[in-house]
Amino acid sequence: MVKPSGSNKVDEVCVPMFLESRTGRPVIQMGNYRFNMWSGSRGPRARWICVKVHSGCPATLITLDNVIVKQKPHNH
């Protein structure tokens, strides 16, 4: 479980849910945020980008064997 960056609530924890999009691609849903797997991800390490990346959001996740090991915050 990862506490969202920039959250003011100490007890707020977002549980990542590994899902599939309507087209069958892997996505992660964390609270109100959704991440798509970066197309260059291979093997046990994967990079995930916020679905608002085209609106300028820099948020990313790095997972290793489906465990979040690194997170950059959202700007929205």
PDB file of N, CA and C in Angstrom:
ATOM      1  N   MET A   1       0.838  -1.175   0.000  1.00  0.00           N
ATOM      2  CA  MET A   1       0.000   0.000   0.000  1.00  0.00           C
ATOM      3  C   MET A   1       0.883   1.238   0.000  1.00  0.00           C
ATOM      4  N   VAL A   2       0.456   2.238  -0.745  1.00  0.00           N
ATOM      5  CA  VAL A   2       1.236   3.459  -0.875  1.00  0.00           C
ATOM      6  C   VAL A   2       0.349   4.642  -0.552  1.00  0.00           C
ATOM      7  N   LYS A   3       0.831   5.539   0.291  1.00  0.00           N
ATOM      8  CA  LYS A   3       0.105   6.769   0.583  1.00  0.00           C
ATOM      9  C   LYS A   3       0.329   7.717  -0.583  1.00  0.00           C
ATOM     10  N   PRO A   4      -0.730   8.312  -1.132  1.00  0.00           N
ATOM     11  CA  PRO A   4      -0.558   9.198  -2.273  1.00  0.00           C
ATOM     12  C   PRO A   4       0.256  10.422  -1.908  1.00  0.00           C
ATOM     13  N   SER A   5       1.147  10.833  -2.797  1.00  0.00           N
ATOM     14  CA  SER A   5       1.961  12.011  -2.572  1.00  0.00           C
ATOM     15  C   SER A   5       1.074  13.246  -2.559  1.00  0.00           C
ATOM     16  N   GLY A   6       1.353  14.162  -1.656  1.00  0.00           N
ATOM     17  CA  GLY A   6       0.592  15.391  -1.593  1.00  0.00           C
ATOM     18  C   GLY A   6      -0.711  15.276  -0.829  1.00  0.00           C
ATOM     19  N   SER A   7      -0.996  14.122  -0.284  1.00  0.00           N
ATOM     20  CA  SER A   7      -2.236  13.945   0.463  1.00  0.00           C
ATOM     21  C   SER A   7      -2.094  14.587   1.832  1.00  0.00           C
ATOM     22  N   ASN A   8      -3.137  15.268   2.277  1.00  0.00           N
ATOM     23  CA  ASN A   8      -3.121  15.900   3.590  1.00  0.00           C
ATOM     24  C   ASN A   8      -3.651  14.984   4.678  1.00  0.00           C
ATOM     25  N   LYS A   9      -4.264  13.896   4.306  1.00  0.00           N
ATOM     26  CA  LYS A   9      -4.832  12.976   5.282  1.00  0.00           C
ATOM     27  C   LYS A   9      -3.799  11.927   5.666  1.00  0.00           C
ATOM     28  N   VAL A  10      -3.464  11.884   6.948  1.00  0.00           N
ATOM     29  CA  VAL A  10      -2.449  10.951   7.426  1.00  0.00           C
ATOM     30  C   VAL A  10      -2.917   9.513   7.290  1.00  0.00           C
ATOM     31  N   ASP A  11      -4.217   9.259   7.517  1.00  0.00           N
ATOM     32  CA  ASP A  11      -4.710   7.890   7.514  1.00  0.00           C
ATOM     33  C   ASP A  11      -5.181   7.430   6.137  1.00  0.00           C
ATOM     34  N   GLU A  12      -5.055   8.268   5.109  1.00  0.00           N
ATOM     35  CA  GLU A  12      -5.515   7.890   3.776  1.00  0.00           C
ATOM     36  C   GLU A  12      -4.469   7.021   3.080  1.00  0.00           C
ATOM     37  N   VAL A  13      -4.866   5.832   2.703  1.00  0.00           N
ATOM     38  CA  VAL A  13      -3.979   4.907   2.014  1.00  0.00           C
ATOM     39  C   VAL A  13      -4.698   4.399   0.775  1.00  0.00           C
ATOM     40  N   CYS A  14      -3.997   4.420  -0.352  1.00  0.00           N
ATOM     41  CA  CYS A  14      -4.580   3.914  -1.593  1.00  0.00           C
ATOM     42  C   CYS A  14      -4.007   2.532  -1.872  1.00  0.00           C
ATOM     43  N   VAL A  15      -4.888   1.604  -2.104  1.00  0.00           N
ATOM     44  CA  VAL A  15      -4.476   0.246  -2.431  1.00  0.00           C
ATOM     45  C   VAL A  15      -4.453   0.124  -3.950  1.00  0.00           C
ATOM     46  N   PRO A  16      -3.313  -0.223  -4.532  1.00  0.00           N
ATOM     47  CA  PRO A  16      -3.266  -0.364  -5.992  1.00  0.00           C
ATOM     48  C   PRO A  16      -4.044  -1.592  -6.453  1.00  0.00           C
ATOM     49  N   MET A  17      -4.866  -1.391  -7.472  1.00  0.00           N
ATOM     50  CA  MET A  17      -5.613  -2.499  -8.062  1.00  0.00           C
ATOM     51  C   MET A  17      -5.095  -2.718  -9.474  1.00  0.00           C
ATOM     52  N   PHE A  18      -4.607  -3.906  -9.744  1.00  0.00           N
ATOM     53  CA  PHE A  18      -4.118  -4.259 -11.069  1.00  0.00           C
ATOM     54  C   PHE A  18      -5.301  -4.763 -11.882  1.00  0.00           C
ATOM     55  N   LEU A  19      -5.641  -4.018 -12.946  1.00  0.00           N
ATOM     56  CA  LEU A  19      -6.823  -4.305 -13.748  1.00  0.00           C
ATOM     57  C   LEU A  19      -6.456  -4.387 -15.222  1.00  0.00           C
ATOM     58  N   GLU A  20      -7.464  -4.628 -16.050  1.00  0.00           N
ATOM     59  CA  GLU A  20      -7.302  -4.583 -17.504  1.00  0.00           C
ATOM     60  C   GLU A  20      -8.214  -3.509 -18.054  1.00  0.00           C
ATOM     61  N   SER A  21      -7.731  -2.794 -19.070  1.00  0.00           N
ATOM     62  CA  SER A  21      -8.565  -1.800 -19.735  1.00  0.00           C
ATOM     63  C   SER A  21      -9.589  -2.508 -20.616  1.00  0.00           C
ATOM     64  N   ARG A  22     -10.473  -1.727 -21.221  1.00  0.00           N
ATOM     65  CA  ARG A  22     -11.474  -2.316 -22.122  1.00  0.00           C
ATOM     66  C   ARG A  22     -10.818  -3.014 -23.308  1.00  0.00           C
ATOM     67  N   THR A  23      -9.604  -2.572 -23.663  1.00  0.00           N
ATOM     68  CA  THR A  23      -8.902  -3.175 -24.795  1.00  0.00           C
ATOM     69  C   THR A  23      -7.973  -4.308 -24.371  1.00  0.00           C
ATOM     70  N   GLY A  24      -7.953  -4.629 -23.065  1.00  0.00           N
ATOM     71  CA  GLY A  24      -7.144  -5.742 -22.582  1.00  0.00           C
ATOM     72  C   GLY A  24      -5.751  -5.375 -22.121  1.00  0.00           C
ATOM     73  N   ARG A  25      -5.418  -4.082 -22.114  1.00  0.00           N
ATOM     74  CA  ARG A  25      -4.095  -3.653 -21.655  1.00  0.00           C
ATOM     75  C   ARG A  25      -4.085  -3.517 -20.135  1.00  0.00           C
ATOM     76  N   PRO A  26      -2.927  -3.766 -19.501  1.00  0.00           N
ATOM     77  CA  PRO A  26      -2.855  -3.659 -18.044  1.00  0.00           C
ATOM     78  C   PRO A  26      -2.928  -2.204 -17.573  1.00  0.00           C
ATOM     79  N   VAL A  27      -3.655  -1.963 -16.488  1.00  0.00           N
ATOM     80  CA  VAL A  27      -3.745  -0.647 -15.860  1.00  0.00           C
ATOM     81  C   VAL A  27      -3.677  -0.827 -14.349  1.00  0.00           C
ATOM     82  N   ILE A  28      -3.254   0.227 -13.662  1.00  0.00           N
ATOM     83  CA  ILE A  28      -3.283   0.258 -12.203  1.00  0.00           C
ATOM     84  C   ILE A  28      -4.226   1.379 -11.801  1.00  0.00           C
ATOM     85  N   GLN A  29      -5.159   1.071 -10.925  1.00  0.00           N
ATOM     86  CA  GLN A  29      -6.066   2.071 -10.359  1.00  0.00           C
ATOM     87  C   GLN A  29      -5.657   2.268  -8.913  1.00  0.00           C
ATOM     88  N   MET A  30      -5.334   3.524  -8.541  1.00  0.00           N
ATOM     89  CA  MET A  30      -4.974   3.865  -7.160  1.00  0.00           C
ATOM     90  C   MET A  30      -5.811   5.057  -6.745  1.00  0.00           C
ATOM     91  N   GLY A  31      -6.826   4.821  -5.958  1.00  0.00           N
ATOM     92  CA  GLY A  31      -7.724   5.909  -5.581  1.00  0.00           C
ATOM     93  C   GLY A  31      -8.403   6.450  -6.830  1.00  0.00           C
ATOM     94  N   ASN A  32      -8.297   7.760  -7.041  1.00  0.00           N
ATOM     95  CA  ASN A  32      -8.890   8.394  -8.221  1.00  0.00           C
ATOM     96  C   ASN A  32      -7.932   8.451  -9.401  1.00  0.00           C
ATOM     97  N   TYR A  33      -6.749   7.904  -9.257  1.00  0.00           N
ATOM     98  CA  TYR A  33      -5.735   7.970 -10.311  1.00  0.00           C
ATOM     99  C   TYR A  33      -5.605   6.632 -11.029  1.00  0.00           C
ATOM    100  N   ARG A  34      -5.321   6.720 -12.329  1.00  0.00           N
ATOM    101  CA  ARG A  34      -5.150   5.510 -13.135  1.00  0.00           C
ATOM    102  C   ARG A  34      -3.847   5.624 -13.914  1.00  0.00           C
ATOM    103  N   PHE A  35      -3.147   4.508 -14.040  1.00  0.00           N
ATOM    104  CA  PHE A  35      -1.864   4.445 -14.727  1.00  0.00           C
ATOM    105  C   PHE A  35      -1.916   3.391 -15.822  1.00  0.00           C
ATOM    106  N   ASN A  36      -1.333   3.721 -16.961  1.00  0.00           N
ATOM    107  CA  ASN A  36      -1.173   2.761 -18.050  1.00  0.00           C
ATOM    108  C   ASN A  36       0.262   2.270 -18.055  1.00  0.00           C
ATOM    109  N   MET A  37       0.457   1.007 -18.404  1.00  0.00           N
ATOM    110  CA  MET A  37       1.809   0.470 -18.501  1.00  0.00           C
ATOM    111  C   MET A  37       2.501   1.082 -19.714  1.00  0.00           C
ATOM    112  N   TRP A  38       3.727   1.548 -19.493  1.00  0.00           N
ATOM    113  CA  TRP A  38       4.526   2.107 -20.571  1.00  0.00           C
ATOM    114  C   TRP A  38       4.855   0.996 -21.556  1.00  0.00           C
ATOM    115  N   SER A  39       4.775   1.295 -22.829  1.00  0.00           N
ATOM    116  CA  SER A  39       4.926   0.270 -23.868  1.00  0.00           C
ATOM    117  C   SER A  39       6.304  -0.382 -23.889  1.00  0.00           C
ATOM    118  N   GLY A  40       7.321   0.283 -23.342  1.00  0.00           N
ATOM    119  CA  GLY A  40       8.667  -0.278 -23.344  1.00  0.00           C
ATOM    120  C   GLY A  40       8.964  -1.197 -22.172  1.00  0.00           C
ATOM    121  N   SER A  41       7.992  -1.427 -21.304  1.00  0.00           N
ATOM    122  CA  SER A  41       8.218  -2.270 -20.123  1.00  0.00           C
ATOM    123  C   SER A  41       8.318  -3.738 -20.519  1.00  0.00           C
ATOM    124  N   ARG A  42       9.355  -4.395 -20.015  1.00  0.00           N
ATOM    125  CA  ARG A  42       9.578  -5.816 -20.298  1.00  0.00           C
ATOM    126  C   ARG A  42      10.039  -6.508 -19.022  1.00  0.00           C
ATOM    127  N   GLY A  43       9.695  -7.758 -18.877  1.00  0.00           N
ATOM    128  CA  GLY A  43      10.152  -8.544 -17.733  1.00  0.00           C
ATOM    129  C   GLY A  43       9.455  -8.153 -16.441  1.00  0.00           C
ATOM    130  N   PRO A  44      10.104  -8.410 -15.293  1.00  0.00           N
ATOM    131  CA  PRO A  44       9.458  -8.176 -13.996  1.00  0.00           C
ATOM    132  C   PRO A  44       9.370  -6.695 -13.610  1.00  0.00           C
ATOM    133  N   ARG A  45      10.187  -5.831 -14.247  1.00  0.00           N
ATOM    134  CA  ARG A  45      10.177  -4.396 -13.938  1.00  0.00           C
ATOM    135  C   ARG A  45       9.290  -3.687 -14.950  1.00  0.00           C
ATOM    136  N   ALA A  46       8.371  -2.861 -14.447  1.00  0.00           N
ATOM    137  CA  ALA A  46       7.464  -2.146 -15.346  1.00  0.00           C
ATOM    138  C   ALA A  46       7.356  -0.686 -14.935  1.00  0.00           C
ATOM    139  N   ARG A  47       7.220   0.178 -15.924  1.00  0.00           N
ATOM    140  CA  ARG A  47       6.999   1.606 -15.699  1.00  0.00           C
ATOM    141  C   ARG A  47       5.560   1.907 -16.081  1.00  0.00           C
ATOM    142  N   TRP A  48       4.890   2.672 -15.230  1.00  0.00           N
ATOM    143  CA  TRP A  48       3.491   3.027 -15.435  1.00  0.00           C
ATOM    144  C   TRP A  48       3.384   4.541 -15.474  1.00  0.00           C
ATOM    145  N   ILE A  49       2.595   5.083 -16.407  1.00  0.00           N
ATOM    146  CA  ILE A  49       2.437   6.527 -16.522  1.00  0.00           C
ATOM    147  C   ILE A  49       0.981   6.909 -16.271  1.00  0.00           C
ATOM    148  N   CYS A  50       0.795   8.070 -15.661  1.00  0.00           N
ATOM    149  CA  CYS A  50      -0.547   8.573 -15.382  1.00  0.00           C
ATOM    150  C   CYS A  50      -1.293   8.768 -16.695  1.00  0.00           C
ATOM    151  N   VAL A  51      -2.589   8.483 -16.703  1.00  0.00           N
ATOM    152  CA  VAL A  51      -3.381   8.643 -17.920  1.00  0.00           C
ATOM    153  C   VAL A  51      -3.483  10.113 -18.331  1.00  0.00           C
ATOM    154  N   LYS A  52      -3.149  11.035 -17.442  1.00  0.00           N
ATOM    155  CA  LYS A  52      -3.181  12.470 -17.745  1.00  0.00           C
ATOM    156  C   LYS A  52      -1.813  12.977 -18.206  1.00  0.00           C
ATOM    157  N   VAL A  53      -0.940  12.094 -18.654  1.00  0.00           N
ATOM    158  CA  VAL A  53       0.404  12.476 -19.085  1.00  0.00           C
ATOM    159  C   VAL A  53       0.356  13.508 -20.211  1.00  0.00           C
ATOM    160  N   HIS A  54      -0.637  13.412 -21.090  1.00  0.00           N
ATOM    161  CA  HIS A  54      -0.730  14.356 -22.206  1.00  0.00           C
ATOM    162  C   HIS A  54      -1.221  15.728 -21.755  1.00  0.00           C
ATOM    163  N   SER A  55      -1.729  15.806 -20.535  1.00  0.00           N
ATOM    164  CA  SER A  55      -2.109  17.092 -19.941  1.00  0.00           C
ATOM    165  C   SER A  55      -0.983  17.640 -19.076  1.00  0.00           C
ATOM    166  N   GLY A  56       0.165  16.959 -19.083  1.00  0.00           N
ATOM    167  CA  GLY A  56       1.344  17.435 -18.372  1.00  0.00           C
ATOM    168  C   GLY A  56       1.608  16.806 -17.020  1.00  0.00           C
ATOM    169  N   CYS A  57       0.876  15.774 -16.643  1.00  0.00           N
ATOM    170  CA  CYS A  57       1.117  15.142 -15.345  1.00  0.00           C
ATOM    171  C   CYS A  57       2.399  14.302 -15.394  1.00  0.00           C
ATOM    172  N   PRO A  58       3.324  14.541 -14.455  1.00  0.00           N
ATOM    173  CA  PRO A  58       4.590  13.804 -14.447  1.00  0.00           C
ATOM    174  C   PRO A  58       4.560  12.505 -13.643  1.00  0.00           C
ATOM    175  N   ALA A  59       3.398  12.132 -13.103  1.00  0.00           N
ATOM    176  CA  ALA A  59       3.321  10.975 -12.201  1.00  0.00           C
ATOM    177  C   ALA A  59       3.658   9.668 -12.913  1.00  0.00           C
ATOM    178  N   THR A  60       4.500   8.881 -12.268  1.00  0.00           N
ATOM    179  CA  THR A  60       4.847   7.553 -12.764  1.00  0.00           C
ATOM    180  C   THR A  60       4.953   6.605 -11.575  1.00  0.00           C
ATOM    181  N   LEU A  61       4.845   5.336 -11.868  1.00  0.00           N
ATOM    182  CA  LEU A  61       5.091   4.277 -10.895  1.00  0.00           C
ATOM    183  C   LEU A  61       6.110   3.332 -11.499  1.00  0.00           C
ATOM    184  N   ILE A  62       6.931   2.743 -10.669  1.00  0.00           N
ATOM    185  CA  ILE A  62       7.809   1.651 -11.079  1.00  0.00           C
ATOM    186  C   ILE A  62       7.409   0.450 -10.236  1.00  0.00           C
ATOM    187  N   THR A  63       7.128  -0.665 -10.895  1.00  0.00           N
ATOM    188  CA  THR A  63       6.803  -1.890 -10.166  1.00  0.00           C
ATOM    189  C   THR A  63       7.849  -2.954 -10.468  1.00  0.00           C
ATOM    190  N   LEU A  64       8.074  -3.793  -9.493  1.00  0.00           N
ATOM    191  CA  LEU A  64       8.956  -4.943  -9.640  1.00  0.00           C
ATOM    192  C   LEU A  64       8.169  -6.139  -9.132  1.00  0.00           C
ATOM    193  N   ASP A  65       7.862  -7.058 -10.023  1.00  0.00           N
ATOM    194  CA  ASP A  65       7.011  -8.208  -9.688  1.00  0.00           C
ATOM    195  C   ASP A  65       5.695  -7.755  -9.047  1.00  0.00           C
ATOM    196  N   ASN A  66       5.068  -6.749  -9.650  1.00  0.00           N
ATOM    197  CA  ASN A  66       3.773  -6.200  -9.216  1.00  0.00           C
ATOM    198  C   ASN A  66       3.794  -5.571  -7.824  1.00  0.00           C
ATOM    199  N   VAL A  67       4.961  -5.126  -7.367  1.00  0.00           N
ATOM    200  CA  VAL A  67       5.085  -4.389  -6.114  1.00  0.00           C
ATOM    201  C   VAL A  67       5.617  -3.003  -6.460  1.00  0.00           C
ATOM    202  N   ILE A  68       4.942  -1.954  -5.995  1.00  0.00           N
ATOM    203  CA  ILE A  68       5.380  -0.588  -6.288  1.00  0.00           C
ATOM    204  C   ILE A  68       6.645  -0.299  -5.504  1.00  0.00           C
ATOM    205  N   VAL A  69       7.721   0.059  -6.227  1.00  0.00           N
ATOM    206  CA  VAL A  69       8.998   0.344  -5.586  1.00  0.00           C
ATOM    207  C   VAL A  69       9.378   1.819  -5.692  1.00  0.00           C
ATOM    208  N   LYS A  70       8.713   2.576  -6.581  1.00  0.00           N
ATOM    209  CA  LYS A  70       9.025   3.991  -6.742  1.00  0.00           C
ATOM    210  C   LYS A  70       7.791   4.700  -7.267  1.00  0.00           C
ATOM    211  N   GLN A  71       7.583   5.944  -6.794  1.00  0.00           N
ATOM    212  CA  GLN A  71       6.414   6.702  -7.222  1.00  0.00           C
ATOM    213  C   GLN A  71       6.764   8.177  -7.323  1.00  0.00           C
ATOM    214  N   LYS A  72       6.358   8.820  -8.425  1.00  0.00           N
ATOM    215  CA  LYS A  72       6.475  10.270  -8.582  1.00  0.00           C
ATOM    216  C   LYS A  72       5.072  10.855  -8.458  1.00  0.00           C
ATOM    217  N   PRO A  73       4.943  12.047  -7.832  1.00  0.00           N
ATOM    218  CA  PRO A  73       3.620  12.607  -7.540  1.00  0.00           C
ATOM    219  C   PRO A  73       2.901  13.196  -8.758  1.00  0.00           C
ATOM    220  N   HIS A  74       1.587  13.317  -8.612  1.00  0.00           N
ATOM    221  CA  HIS A  74       0.731  13.938  -9.621  1.00  0.00           C
ATOM    222  C   HIS A  74       0.760  15.454  -9.443  1.00  0.00           C
ATOM    223  N   ASN A  75       0.339  16.182 -10.469  1.00  0.00           N
ATOM    224  CA  ASN A  75       0.199  17.635 -10.350  1.00  0.00           C
ATOM    225  C   ASN A  75      -1.259  18.055 -10.529  1.00  0.00           C
ATOM    226  N   HIS A  76      -2.168  17.146 -10.370  1.00  0.00           N
ATOM    227  CA  HIS A  76      -3.602  17.456 -10.507  1.00  0.00           C
ATOM    228  C   HIS A  76      -4.405  16.793  -9.406  1.00  0.00           C
TER     229      HIS A  76
END
